[in-house]
PDB file of N, CA and C in Angstrom:
ATOM      1  N   MET A   1       1.071  -1.315   0.415  1.00  0.00           N
ATOM      2  CA  MET A   1      -0.361  -0.070   0.012  1.00  0.00           C
ATOM      3  C   MET A   1       0.893   1.374   0.166  1.00  0.00           C
ATOM      4  N   ASN A   2       0.537   2.047  -0.790  1.00  0.00           N
ATOM      5  CA  ASN A   2       1.326   3.536  -0.951  1.00  0.00           C
ATOM      6  C   ASN A   2       0.470   4.447  -0.173  1.00  0.00           C
ATOM      7  N   ILE A   3       1.280   4.891   0.714  1.00  0.00           N
ATOM      8  CA  ILE A   3       0.606   6.551   1.775  1.00  0.00           C
ATOM      9  C   ILE A   3       0.987   7.582   1.468  1.00  0.00           C
ATOM     10  N   PHE A   4       0.423   8.526   1.547  1.00  0.00           N
ATOM     11  CA  PHE A   4       0.453   9.616   1.147  1.00  0.00           C
ATOM     12  C   PHE A   4       0.436  10.504   2.545  1.00  0.00           C
ATOM     13  N   VAL A   5       1.221  11.078   2.877  1.00  0.00           N
ATOM     14  CA  VAL A   5       1.738  11.961   4.530  1.00  0.00           C
ATOM     15  C   VAL A   5       2.206  13.422   4.154  1.00  0.00           C
ATOM     16  N   ALA A   6       1.258  14.118   4.482  1.00  0.00           N
ATOM     17  CA  ALA A   6       0.982  15.317   4.410  1.00  0.00           C
ATOM     18  C   ALA A   6       1.307  16.365   5.804  1.00  0.00           C
ATOM     19  N   GLY A   7       1.681  17.537   6.009  1.00  0.00           N
ATOM     20  CA  GLY A   7       1.622  17.955   7.470  1.00  0.00           C
ATOM     21  C   GLY A   7       3.043  18.071   8.155  1.00  0.00           C
ATOM     22  N   LEU A   8       3.989  17.702   7.389  1.00  0.00           N
ATOM     23  CA  LEU A   8       5.204  17.280   8.050  1.00  0.00           C
ATOM     24  C   LEU A   8       6.120  18.174   8.198  1.00  0.00           C
ATOM     25  N   SER A   9       6.917  18.477   9.459  1.00  0.00           N
ATOM     26  CA  SER A   9       7.997  19.150   9.398  1.00  0.00           C
ATOM     27  C   SER A   9       9.195  19.471   8.621  1.00  0.00           C
ATOM     28  N   TYR A  10       9.682  20.477   8.196  1.00  0.00           N
ATOM     29  CA  TYR A  10      10.181  20.341   7.071  1.00  0.00           C
ATOM     30  C   TYR A  10      11.639  19.758   7.936  1.00  0.00           C
ATOM     31  N   GLN A  11      11.861  19.635   8.825  1.00  0.00           N
ATOM     32  CA  GLN A  11      13.229  18.751   9.297  1.00  0.00           C
ATOM     33  C   GLN A  11      13.162  17.422   9.464  1.00  0.00           C
ATOM     34  N   ILE A  12      12.233  16.949   8.830  1.00  0.00           N
ATOM     35  CA  ILE A  12      12.029  15.539   9.331  1.00  0.00           C
ATOM     36  C   ILE A  12      12.343  14.724   8.159  1.00  0.00           C
ATOM     37  N   SER A  13      13.229  13.747   8.395  1.00  0.00           N
ATOM     38  CA  SER A  13      14.408  12.755   7.665  1.00  0.00           C
ATOM     39  C   SER A  13      13.453  11.734   6.803  1.00  0.00           C
ATOM     40  N   ASP A  14      14.067  11.063   5.925  1.00  0.00           N
ATOM     41  CA  ASP A  14      13.064   9.835   5.506  1.00  0.00           C
ATOM     42  C   ASP A  14      13.515   8.891   6.774  1.00  0.00           C
ATOM     43  N   ALA A  15      14.444   8.862   7.439  1.00  0.00           N
ATOM     44  CA  ALA A  15      14.374   7.972   8.632  1.00  0.00           C
ATOM     45  C   ALA A  15      13.434   7.853   9.483  1.00  0.00           C
ATOM     46  N   ASP A  16      13.570   9.173   9.742  1.00  0.00           N
ATOM     47  CA  ASP A  16      12.308   9.370  10.680  1.00  0.00           C
ATOM     48  C   ASP A  16      11.020   9.044  10.258  1.00  0.00           C
ATOM     49  N   LEU A  17      10.985   9.663   9.236  1.00  0.00           N
ATOM     50  CA  LEU A  17       9.305   8.938   8.301  1.00  0.00           C
ATOM     51  C   LEU A  17       9.109   7.624   8.472  1.00  0.00           C
ATOM     52  N   LYS A  18      10.225   7.118   8.471  1.00  0.00           N
ATOM     53  CA  LYS A  18      10.129   5.517   8.288  1.00  0.00           C
ATOM     54  C   LYS A  18      10.134   4.735   9.613  1.00  0.00           C
ATOM     55  N   GLU A  19      10.829   5.377  10.767  1.00  0.00           N
ATOM     56  CA  GLU A  19      10.579   5.150  12.221  1.00  0.00           C
ATOM     57  C   GLU A  19       9.163   5.447  12.821  1.00  0.00           C
ATOM     58  N   LEU A  20       8.768   6.312  12.387  1.00  0.00           N
ATOM     59  CA  LEU A  20       7.287   6.411  12.359  1.00  0.00           C
ATOM     60  C   LEU A  20       6.378   5.390  12.153  1.00  0.00           C
ATOM     61  N   PHE A  21       6.507   5.581  11.325  1.00  0.00           N
ATOM     62  CA  PHE A  21       5.261   3.912  10.550  1.00  0.00           C
ATOM     63  C   PHE A  21       6.103   2.569  10.748  1.00  0.00           C
ATOM     64  N   GLU A  22       6.832   2.789  11.305  1.00  0.00           N
ATOM     65  CA  GLU A  22       7.421   1.078  11.981  1.00  0.00           C
ATOM     66  C   GLU A  22       6.645   0.751  13.127  1.00  0.00           C
ATOM     67  N   GLU A  23       6.103   1.371  13.841  1.00  0.00           N
ATOM     68  CA  GLU A  23       5.404   1.107  14.981  1.00  0.00           C
ATOM     69  C   GLU A  23       4.267   0.542  14.353  1.00  0.00           C
ATOM     70  N   TYR A  24       3.487   0.440  13.241  1.00  0.00           N
ATOM     71  CA  TYR A  24       2.730  -0.270  12.586  1.00  0.00           C
ATOM     72  C   TYR A  24       3.019  -1.412  11.770  1.00  0.00           C
ATOM     73  N   GLY A  25       3.905  -1.695  11.498  1.00  0.00           N
ATOM     74  CA  GLY A  25       4.675  -2.538  10.799  1.00  0.00           C
ATOM     75  C   GLY A  25       5.725  -2.527  10.328  1.00  0.00           C
ATOM     76  N   ASP A  26       5.909  -3.496   8.869  1.00  0.00           N
ATOM     77  CA  ASP A  26       7.218  -3.550   8.068  1.00  0.00           C
ATOM     78  C   ASP A  26       7.084  -2.286   7.144  1.00  0.00           C
ATOM     79  N   VAL A  27       7.962  -1.351   7.077  1.00  0.00           N
ATOM     80  CA  VAL A  27       8.043  -0.121   5.925  1.00  0.00           C
ATOM     81  C   VAL A  27       8.992  -0.821   4.928  1.00  0.00           C
ATOM     82  N   SER A  28       8.392  -1.076   3.804  1.00  0.00           N
ATOM     83  CA  SER A  28       9.558  -0.652   2.685  1.00  0.00           C
ATOM     84  C   SER A  28      10.164   0.383   2.263  1.00  0.00           C
ATOM     85  N   SER A  29       9.437   1.246   1.925  1.00  0.00           N
ATOM     86  CA  SER A  29      10.070   2.560   1.622  1.00  0.00           C
ATOM     87  C   SER A  29       9.069   3.966   2.578  1.00  0.00           C
ATOM     88  N   ALA A  30      10.357   4.746   2.794  1.00  0.00           N
ATOM     89  CA  ALA A  30       9.673   6.180   3.166  1.00  0.00           C
ATOM     90  C   ALA A  30      10.429   7.524   3.125  1.00  0.00           C
ATOM     91  N   LYS A  31       9.849   7.965   2.005  1.00  0.00           N
ATOM     92  CA  LYS A  31      10.663   8.863   1.401  1.00  0.00           C
ATOM     93  C   LYS A  31       9.507  10.393   1.437  1.00  0.00           C
ATOM     94  N   ILE A  32      10.610  11.486   1.703  1.00  0.00           N
ATOM     95  CA  ILE A  32      10.402  12.881   2.117  1.00  0.00           C
ATOM     96  C   ILE A  32      10.821  13.446   0.671  1.00  0.00           C
ATOM     97  N   ILE A  33       9.346  14.212   0.286  1.00  0.00           N
ATOM     98  CA  ILE A  33       9.305  15.040  -1.034  1.00  0.00           C
ATOM     99  C   ILE A  33      10.289  16.019  -0.875  1.00  0.00           C
ATOM    100  N   THR A  34      11.027  16.630  -1.810  1.00  0.00           N
ATOM    101  CA  THR A  34      12.326  17.767  -1.851  1.00  0.00           C
ATOM    102  C   THR A  34      12.022  18.411  -2.923  1.00  0.00           C
ATOM    103  N   ASP A  35      12.213  19.841  -2.713  1.00  0.00           N
ATOM    104  CA  ASP A  35      12.465  20.575  -3.659  1.00  0.00           C
ATOM    105  C   ASP A  35      13.554  19.768  -4.962  1.00  0.00           C
ATOM    106  N   ARG A  36      13.650  20.471  -5.961  1.00  0.00           N
ATOM    107  CA  ARG A  36      14.726  19.761  -7.251  1.00  0.00           C
ATOM    108  C   ARG A  36      15.924  20.992  -6.574  1.00  0.00           C
ATOM    109  N   GLU A  37      15.512  21.783  -6.905  1.00  0.00           N
ATOM    110  CA  GLU A  37      16.641  23.487  -6.790  1.00  0.00           C
ATOM    111  C   GLU A  37      17.008  23.288  -5.245  1.00  0.00           C
ATOM    112  N   THR A  38      16.421  23.842  -4.422  1.00  0.00           N
ATOM    113  CA  THR A  38      16.986  24.115  -2.959  1.00  0.00           C
ATOM    114  C   THR A  38      17.061  22.440  -2.096  1.00  0.00           C
ATOM    115  N   ARG A  39      16.394  21.684  -2.631  1.00  0.00           N
ATOM    116  CA  ARG A  39      17.029  20.153  -1.694  1.00  0.00           C
ATOM    117  C   ARG A  39      16.265  20.082  -0.520  1.00  0.00           C
ATOM    118  N   ARG A  40      15.336  21.074  -0.038  1.00  0.00           N
ATOM    119  CA  ARG A  40      14.665  21.515   0.956  1.00  0.00           C
ATOM    120  C   ARG A  40      13.076  20.602   0.622  1.00  0.00           C
ATOM    121  N   SER A  41      12.722  20.411   2.435  1.00  0.00           N
ATOM    122  CA  SER A  41      11.524  19.166   2.148  1.00  0.00           C
ATOM    123  C   SER A  41      10.447  19.879   1.932  1.00  0.00           C
ATOM    124  N   LYS A  42       9.342  19.492   1.151  1.00  0.00           N
ATOM    125  CA  LYS A  42       8.267  20.153   0.467  1.00  0.00           C
ATOM    126  C   LYS A  42       7.339  20.006   1.856  1.00  0.00           C
ATOM    127  N   GLY A  43       7.473  19.102   2.763  1.00  0.00           N
ATOM    128  CA  GLY A  43       6.505  18.979   3.969  1.00  0.00           C
ATOM    129  C   GLY A  43       5.481  17.887   3.475  1.00  0.00           C
ATOM    130  N   TYR A  44       6.117  17.096   2.782  1.00  0.00           N
ATOM    131  CA  TYR A  44       4.672  15.397   2.382  1.00  0.00           C
ATOM    132  C   TYR A  44       5.687  14.195   2.345  1.00  0.00           C
ATOM    133  N   GLY A  45       5.460  13.421   1.963  1.00  0.00           N
ATOM    134  CA  GLY A  45       6.365  12.281   1.426  1.00  0.00           C
ATOM    135  C   GLY A  45       5.074  11.346   1.284  1.00  0.00           C
ATOM    136  N   PHE A  46       6.007   9.681   1.165  1.00  0.00           N
ATOM    137  CA  PHE A  46       5.166   8.525   0.698  1.00  0.00           C
ATOM    138  C   PHE A  46       5.775   7.506   1.728  1.00  0.00           C
ATOM    139  N   VAL A  47       4.531   6.450   2.081  1.00  0.00           N
ATOM    140  CA  VAL A  47       5.696   5.358   2.614  1.00  0.00           C
ATOM    141  C   VAL A  47       4.843   4.404   1.916  1.00  0.00           C
ATOM    142  N   GLU A  48       5.572   3.034   2.128  1.00  0.00           N
ATOM    143  CA  GLU A  48       5.219   1.649   1.464  1.00  0.00           C
ATOM    144  C   GLU A  48       4.849   0.716   2.415  1.00  0.00           C
ATOM    145  N   MET A  49       3.921   0.090   2.719  1.00  0.00           N
ATOM    146  CA  MET A  49       3.752  -0.881   3.512  1.00  0.00           C
ATOM    147  C   MET A  49       2.683  -1.908   3.194  1.00  0.00           C
ATOM    148  N   ALA A  50       2.425  -2.997   3.613  1.00  0.00           N
ATOM    149  CA  ALA A  50       1.853  -4.199   3.576  1.00  0.00           C
ATOM    150  C   ALA A  50       0.161  -3.226   3.701  1.00  0.00           C
ATOM    151  N   ASP A  51      -0.968  -4.065   3.014  1.00  0.00           N
ATOM    152  CA  ASP A  51      -1.947  -3.318   3.445  1.00  0.00           C
ATOM    153  C   ASP A  51      -2.721  -2.950   4.793  1.00  0.00           C
ATOM    154  N   GLU A  52      -2.971  -4.234   5.119  1.00  0.00           N
ATOM    155  CA  GLU A  52      -3.588  -4.354   6.282  1.00  0.00           C
ATOM    156  C   GLU A  52      -2.585  -3.450   7.560  1.00  0.00           C
ATOM    157  N   SER A  53      -1.131  -3.402   7.317  1.00  0.00           N
ATOM    158  CA  SER A  53      -0.344  -2.428   8.414  1.00  0.00           C
ATOM    159  C   SER A  53      -0.415  -1.064   8.151  1.00  0.00           C
ATOM    160  N   GLY A  54      -0.797  -0.994   6.439  1.00  0.00           N
ATOM    161  CA  GLY A  54      -0.705   0.582   6.272  1.00  0.00           C
ATOM    162  C   GLY A  54      -2.145   0.968   6.901  1.00  0.00           C
ATOM    163  N   GLN A  55      -3.003   0.389   6.381  1.00  0.00           N
ATOM    164  CA  GLN A  55      -4.602   0.918   6.916  1.00  0.00           C
ATOM    165  C   GLN A  55      -4.307   1.378   8.321  1.00  0.00           C
ATOM    166  N   ASN A  56      -4.083   0.196   9.212  1.00  0.00           N
ATOM    167  CA  ASN A  56      -3.709   0.430  10.459  1.00  0.00           C
ATOM    168  C   ASN A  56      -2.809   2.281  10.703  1.00  0.00           C
ATOM    169  N   ALA A  57      -2.088   2.137  10.088  1.00  0.00           N
ATOM    170  CA  ALA A  57      -1.315   3.436  10.349  1.00  0.00           C
ATOM    171  C   ALA A  57      -1.707   4.764   9.907  1.00  0.00           C
ATOM    172  N   ILE A  58      -2.879   4.580   8.818  1.00  0.00           N
ATOM    173  CA  ILE A  58      -3.167   5.294   8.001  1.00  0.00           C
ATOM    174  C   ILE A  58      -4.528   5.776   9.453  1.00  0.00           C
ATOM    175  N   ASP A  59      -5.171   4.791   9.907  1.00  0.00           N
ATOM    176  CA  ASP A  59      -6.243   5.157  11.033  1.00  0.00           C
ATOM    177  C   ASP A  59      -5.879   5.587  11.798  1.00  0.00           C
ATOM    178  N   GLU A  60      -4.747   5.462  12.490  1.00  0.00           N
ATOM    179  CA  GLU A  60      -4.069   5.814  14.165  1.00  0.00           C
ATOM    180  C   GLU A  60      -3.223   7.115  13.653  1.00  0.00           C
ATOM    181  N   LEU A  61      -3.203   7.663  12.452  1.00  0.00           N
ATOM    182  CA  LEU A  61      -1.932   8.651  12.087  1.00  0.00           C
ATOM    183  C   LEU A  61      -2.534   9.870  12.076  1.00  0.00           C
ATOM    184  N   ASN A  62      -3.253   9.517  10.887  1.00  0.00           N
ATOM    185  CA  ASN A  62      -4.107  10.653  10.346  1.00  0.00           C
ATOM    186  C   ASN A  62      -4.641  11.712  11.318  1.00  0.00           C
ATOM    187  N   GLY A  63      -4.805  13.221  11.597  1.00  0.00           N
ATOM    188  CA  GLY A  63      -4.998  13.790  12.173  1.00  0.00           C
ATOM    189  C   GLY A  63      -4.063  13.535  13.521  1.00  0.00           C
ATOM    190  N   ALA A  64      -3.118  13.052  13.899  1.00  0.00           N
ATOM    191  CA  ALA A  64      -2.136  13.044  15.220  1.00  0.00           C
ATOM    192  C   ALA A  64      -1.166  13.939  14.969  1.00  0.00           C
ATOM    193  N   GLU A  65      -0.576  14.620  16.096  1.00  0.00           N
ATOM    194  CA  GLU A  65       0.610  15.426  16.064  1.00  0.00           C
ATOM    195  C   GLU A  65       1.582  14.556  16.308  1.00  0.00           C
ATOM    196  N   TYR A  66       2.449  15.336  15.304  1.00  0.00           N
ATOM    197  CA  TYR A  66       4.287  15.095  15.431  1.00  0.00           C
ATOM    198  C   TYR A  66       4.885  15.927  14.719  1.00  0.00           C
ATOM    199  N   ASP A  67       5.587  16.062  15.865  1.00  0.00           N
ATOM    200  CA  ASP A  67       6.710  17.060  15.576  1.00  0.00           C
ATOM    201  C   ASP A  67       6.353  18.491  15.670  1.00  0.00           C
ATOM    202  N   GLY A  68       5.514  18.564  16.334  1.00  0.00           N
ATOM    203  CA  GLY A  68       5.004  19.792  16.739  1.00  0.00           C
ATOM    204  C   GLY A  68       3.575  20.082  15.296  1.00  0.00           C
ATOM    205  N   ARG A  69       3.420  19.142  14.224  1.00  0.00           N
ATOM    206  CA  ARG A  69       2.615  19.657  13.095  1.00  0.00           C
ATOM    207  C   ARG A  69       1.369  18.318  13.401  1.00  0.00           C
ATOM    208  N   THR A  70       0.132  18.854  12.899  1.00  0.00           N
ATOM    209  CA  THR A  70      -0.820  17.879  12.172  1.00  0.00           C
ATOM    210  C   THR A  70      -0.624  17.300  11.045  1.00  0.00           C
ATOM    211  N   LEU A  71      -0.641  16.008  11.543  1.00  0.00           N
ATOM    212  CA  LEU A  71      -0.589  14.971   9.758  1.00  0.00           C
ATOM    213  C   LEU A  71      -1.607  14.866   9.187  1.00  0.00           C
ATOM    214  N   SER A  72      -1.762  14.454   7.910  1.00  0.00           N
ATOM    215  CA  SER A  72      -2.791  14.243   7.410  1.00  0.00           C
ATOM    216  C   SER A  72      -2.151  13.107   6.374  1.00  0.00           C
ATOM    217  N   VAL A  73      -2.778  11.839   6.910  1.00  0.00           N
ATOM    218  CA  VAL A  73      -2.218  11.159   6.226  1.00  0.00           C
ATOM    219  C   VAL A  73      -3.713   9.878   5.471  1.00  0.00           C
ATOM    220  N   SER A  74      -3.368   9.206   4.498  1.00  0.00           N
ATOM    221  CA  SER A  74      -4.137   8.793   3.748  1.00  0.00           C
ATOM    222  C   SER A  74      -3.550   8.184   2.594  1.00  0.00           C
ATOM    223  N   VAL A  75      -4.273   6.763   2.021  1.00  0.00           N
ATOM    224  CA  VAL A  75      -4.081   6.016   0.693  1.00  0.00           C
ATOM    225  C   VAL A  75      -3.406   7.115  -0.728  1.00  0.00           C
ATOM    226  N   ALA A  76      -2.570   6.682  -0.894  1.00  0.00           N
ATOM    227  CA  ALA A  76      -1.880   7.694  -1.911  1.00  0.00           C
ATOM    228  C   ALA A  76      -2.671   7.386  -3.098  1.00  0.00           C
ATOM    229  N   ARG A  77      -3.411   8.561  -4.030  1.00  0.00           N
ATOM    230  CA  ARG A  77      -3.662   8.498  -5.507  1.00  0.00           C
ATOM    231  C   ARG A  77      -2.862   8.108  -6.520  1.00  0.00           C
ATOM    232  N   PRO A  78      -3.248   7.124  -7.519  1.00  0.00           N
ATOM    233  CA  PRO A  78      -2.062   6.772  -8.386  1.00  0.00           C
ATOM    234  C   PRO A  78      -1.531   8.212  -9.105  1.00  0.00           C
ATOM    235  N   ARG A  79      -0.398   8.105  -9.783  1.00  0.00           N
ATOM    236  CA  ARG A  79      -0.404   9.338 -10.715  1.00  0.00           C
ATOM    237  C   ARG A  79      -1.229   9.026 -11.789  1.00  0.00           C
ATOM    238  N   THR A  80      -1.774  10.463 -12.466  1.00  0.00           N
ATOM    239  CA  THR A  80      -2.212  10.428 -13.724  1.00  0.00           C
ATOM    240  C   THR A  80      -1.393  11.177 -14.969  1.00  0.00           C
ATOM    241  N   GLU A  81      -1.490  11.045 -15.760  1.00  0.00           N
ATOM    242  CA  GLU A  81      -1.124  11.911 -17.500  1.00  0.00           C
ATOM    243  C   GLU A  81      -1.250  13.277 -16.748  1.00  0.00           C
ATOM    244  N   ASN A  82      -1.916  14.188 -16.225  1.00  0.00           N
ATOM    245  CA  ASN A  82      -2.005  15.365 -15.766  1.00  0.00           C
ATOM    246  C   ASN A  82      -0.927  15.759 -14.836  1.00  0.00           C
ATOM    247  N   ASP A  83      -0.657  14.746 -13.989  1.00  0.00           N
ATOM    248  CA  ASP A  83       0.610  14.903 -12.599  1.00  0.00           C
ATOM    249  C   ASP A  83       1.722  14.943 -13.543  1.00  0.00           C
ATOM    250  N   ASP A  84       2.504  14.865 -14.985  1.00  0.00           N
ATOM    251  CA  ASP A  84       3.238  14.643 -15.523  1.00  0.00           C
ATOM    252  C   ASP A  84       3.113  16.045 -16.670  1.00  0.00           C
ATOM    253  N   ARG A  85       2.179  16.234 -16.567  1.00  0.00           N
ATOM    254  CA  ARG A  85       2.235  17.671 -17.578  1.00  0.00           C
ATOM    255  C   ARG A  85       2.349  19.359 -16.597  1.00  0.00           C
ATOM    256  N   ARG A  86       2.300  18.818 -14.886  1.00  0.00           N
ATOM    257  CA  ARG A  86       2.324  19.992 -14.547  1.00  0.00           C
ATOM    258  C   ARG A  86       2.958  21.281 -14.591  1.00  0.00           C
ATOM    259  N   GLY A  87       4.412  20.588 -14.451  1.00  0.00           N
ATOM    260  CA  GLY A  87       5.564  21.814 -14.408  1.00  0.00           C
ATOM    261  C   GLY A  87       6.084  22.180 -15.557  1.00  0.00           C
ATOM    262  N   GLY A  88       6.409  23.173 -15.732  1.00  0.00           N
ATOM    263  CA  GLY A  88       7.131  24.045 -16.670  1.00  0.00           C
ATOM    264  C   GLY A  88       6.027  24.488 -18.175  1.00  0.00           C
ATOM    265  N   GLY A  89       6.926  24.210 -19.214  1.00  0.00           N
ATOM    266  CA  GLY A  89       5.705  24.933 -20.249  1.00  0.00           C
ATOM    267  C   GLY A  89       5.616  25.960 -20.469  1.00  0.00           C
ATOM    268  N   PHE A  90       5.055  26.380 -21.597  1.00  0.00           N
ATOM    269  CA  PHE A  90       4.395  27.769 -22.024  1.00  0.00           C
ATOM    270  C   PHE A  90       3.204  28.009 -21.494  1.00  0.00           C
ATOM    271  N   HIS A  91       2.779  28.868 -20.910  1.00  0.00           N
ATOM    272  CA  HIS A  91       1.493  28.939 -20.537  1.00  0.00           C
ATOM    273  C   HIS A  91       1.004  30.634 -20.548  1.00  0.00           C
ATOM    274  N   ARG A  92      -0.215  30.792 -20.988  1.00  0.00           N
ATOM    275  CA  ARG A  92      -0.637  32.161 -21.505  1.00  0.00           C
ATOM    276  C   ARG A  92      -1.358  32.453 -20.966  1.00  0.00           C
ATOM    277  N   GLY A  93      -1.667  34.198 -20.153  1.00  0.00           N
ATOM    278  CA  GLY A  93      -3.122  33.996 -19.380  1.00  0.00           C
ATOM    279  C   GLY A  93      -4.130  33.883 -20.356  1.00  0.00           C
ATOM    280  N   GLY A  94      -5.394  34.089 -19.610  1.00  0.00           N
ATOM    281  CA  GLY A  94      -6.322  33.634 -20.115  1.00  0.00           C
ATOM    282  C   GLY A  94      -7.226  34.885 -20.990  1.00  0.00           C
ATOM    283  N   ASN A  95      -6.824  36.463 -20.802  1.00  0.00           N
ATOM    284  CA  ASN A  95      -7.571  37.182 -20.966  1.00  0.00           C
ATOM    285  C   ASN A  95      -6.867  37.956 -22.422  1.00  0.00           C
ATOM    286  N   ASN A  96      -5.984  37.490 -22.928  1.00  0.00           N
ATOM    287  CA  ASN A  96      -5.406  37.827 -24.531  1.00  0.00           C
ATOM    288  C   ASN A  96      -4.822  39.380 -24.469  1.00  0.00           C
ATOM    289  N   ARG A  97      -4.402  39.859 -23.305  1.00  0.00           N
ATOM    290  CA  ARG A  97      -3.768  41.167 -22.878  1.00  0.00           C
ATOM    291  C   ARG A  97      -2.440  40.896 -23.129  1.00  0.00           C
ATOM    292  N   GLY A  98      -2.039  40.959 -24.159  1.00  0.00           N
ATOM    293  CA  GLY A  98      -0.270  40.692 -24.610  1.00  0.00           C
ATOM    294  C   GLY A  98       0.750  39.714 -23.785  1.00  0.00           C
ATOM    295  N   GLY A  99       1.553  39.650 -23.790  1.00  0.00           N
ATOM    296  CA  GLY A  99       1.856  38.038 -23.646  1.00  0.00           C
ATOM    297  C   GLY A  99       2.057  36.982 -24.580  1.00  0.00           C
ATOM    298  N   GLY A 100       2.730  36.361 -24.252  1.00  0.00           N
ATOM    299  CA  GLY A 100       2.932  35.231 -25.449  1.00  0.00           C
ATOM    300  C   GLY A 100       2.370  35.336 -26.682  1.00  0.00           C
ATOM    301  N   TYR A 101       1.715  34.600 -27.653  1.00  0.00           N
ATOM    302  CA  TYR A 101       2.160  34.548 -28.882  1.00  0.00           C
ATOM    303  C   TYR A 101       0.417  34.814 -29.575  1.00  0.00           C
ATOM    304  N   GLY A 102       0.126  35.897 -29.232  1.00  0.00           N
ATOM    305  CA  GLY A 102      -1.585  36.229 -29.611  1.00  0.00           C
ATOM    306  C   GLY A 102      -1.734  35.582 -30.833  1.00  0.00           C
ATOM    307  N   ASN A 103      -3.148  35.437 -31.391  1.00  0.00           N
ATOM    308  CA  ASN A 103      -3.066  35.150 -32.538  1.00  0.00           C
ATOM    309  C   ASN A 103      -2.860  36.091 -33.744  1.00  0.00           C
ATOM    310  N   ARG A 104      -2.448  35.478 -35.192  1.00  0.00           N
ATOM    311  CA  ARG A 104      -2.766  36.512 -36.033  1.00  0.00           C
ATOM    312  C   ARG A 104      -3.547  37.937 -36.369  1.00  0.00           C
ATOM    313  N   ASP A 105      -4.894  37.171 -36.394  1.00  0.00           N
ATOM    314  CA  ASP A 105      -6.004  38.597 -36.338  1.00  0.00           C
ATOM    315  C   ASP A 105      -5.706  39.805 -35.525  1.00  0.00           C
ATOM    316  N   ASN A 106      -5.692  38.771 -34.271  1.00  0.00           N
ATOM    317  CA  ASN A 106      -5.228  40.331 -32.783  1.00  0.00           C
ATOM    318  C   ASN A 106      -4.496  41.085 -33.428  1.00  0.00           C
ATOM    319  N   ARG A 107      -2.609  40.745 -33.866  1.00  0.00           N
ATOM    320  CA  ARG A 107      -2.206  41.655 -33.983  1.00  0.00           C
ATOM    321  C   ARG A 107      -2.147  42.284 -35.449  1.00  0.00           C
ATOM    322  N   ASP A 108      -2.947  42.053 -36.726  1.00  0.00           N
ATOM    323  CA  ASP A 108      -3.517  42.690 -37.904  1.00  0.00           C
ATOM    324  C   ASP A 108      -4.239  43.697 -36.997  1.00  0.00           C
ATOM    325  N   ARG A 109      -5.136  43.408 -36.228  1.00  0.00           N
ATOM    326  CA  ARG A 109      -6.008  44.579 -35.774  1.00  0.00           C
ATOM    327  C   ARG A 109      -5.579  45.878 -35.149  1.00  0.00           C
ATOM    328  N   ASN A 110      -4.611  45.103 -34.562  1.00  0.00           N
ATOM    329  CA  ASN A 110      -3.853  46.516 -33.400  1.00  0.00           C
ATOM    330  C   ASN A 110      -3.172  47.330 -34.347  1.00  0.00           C
ATOM    331  N   ARG A 111      -2.767  46.565 -35.664  1.00  0.00           N
ATOM    332  CA  ARG A 111      -2.178  47.828 -36.482  1.00  0.00           C
ATOM    333  C   ARG A 111      -2.998  49.000 -36.947  1.00  0.00           C
ATOM    334  N   TYR A 112      -4.323  48.979 -36.843  1.00  0.00           N
ATOM    335  CA  TYR A 112      -5.218  49.808 -37.740  1.00  0.00           C
ATOM    336  C   TYR A 112      -5.659  50.869 -36.544  1.00  0.00           C
TER     337      TYR A 112
END
């Protein structure tokens, strides 16, 4: 079972997260998600456990306080195609007021 854990203190390490969940069963992996550029924690992570012990951990830890913060713990959603497209790329505002590459008709209209 893949478990999503949010509300983590920014000082929590992978080892700390693993230790927290090991109270409820064997942990296959525990990973804090970090910013690519700064390498700082984003305050959430993922834990892999067997289904039964994972559900028990979710039930016990969701809403619990850990390191001064309230945890939000749930079954992780599978990644979708949209998750892969979220970062980067060209984005133009929705009101067509400059910026981006307006269409040819608008550029021609502005000449007169």
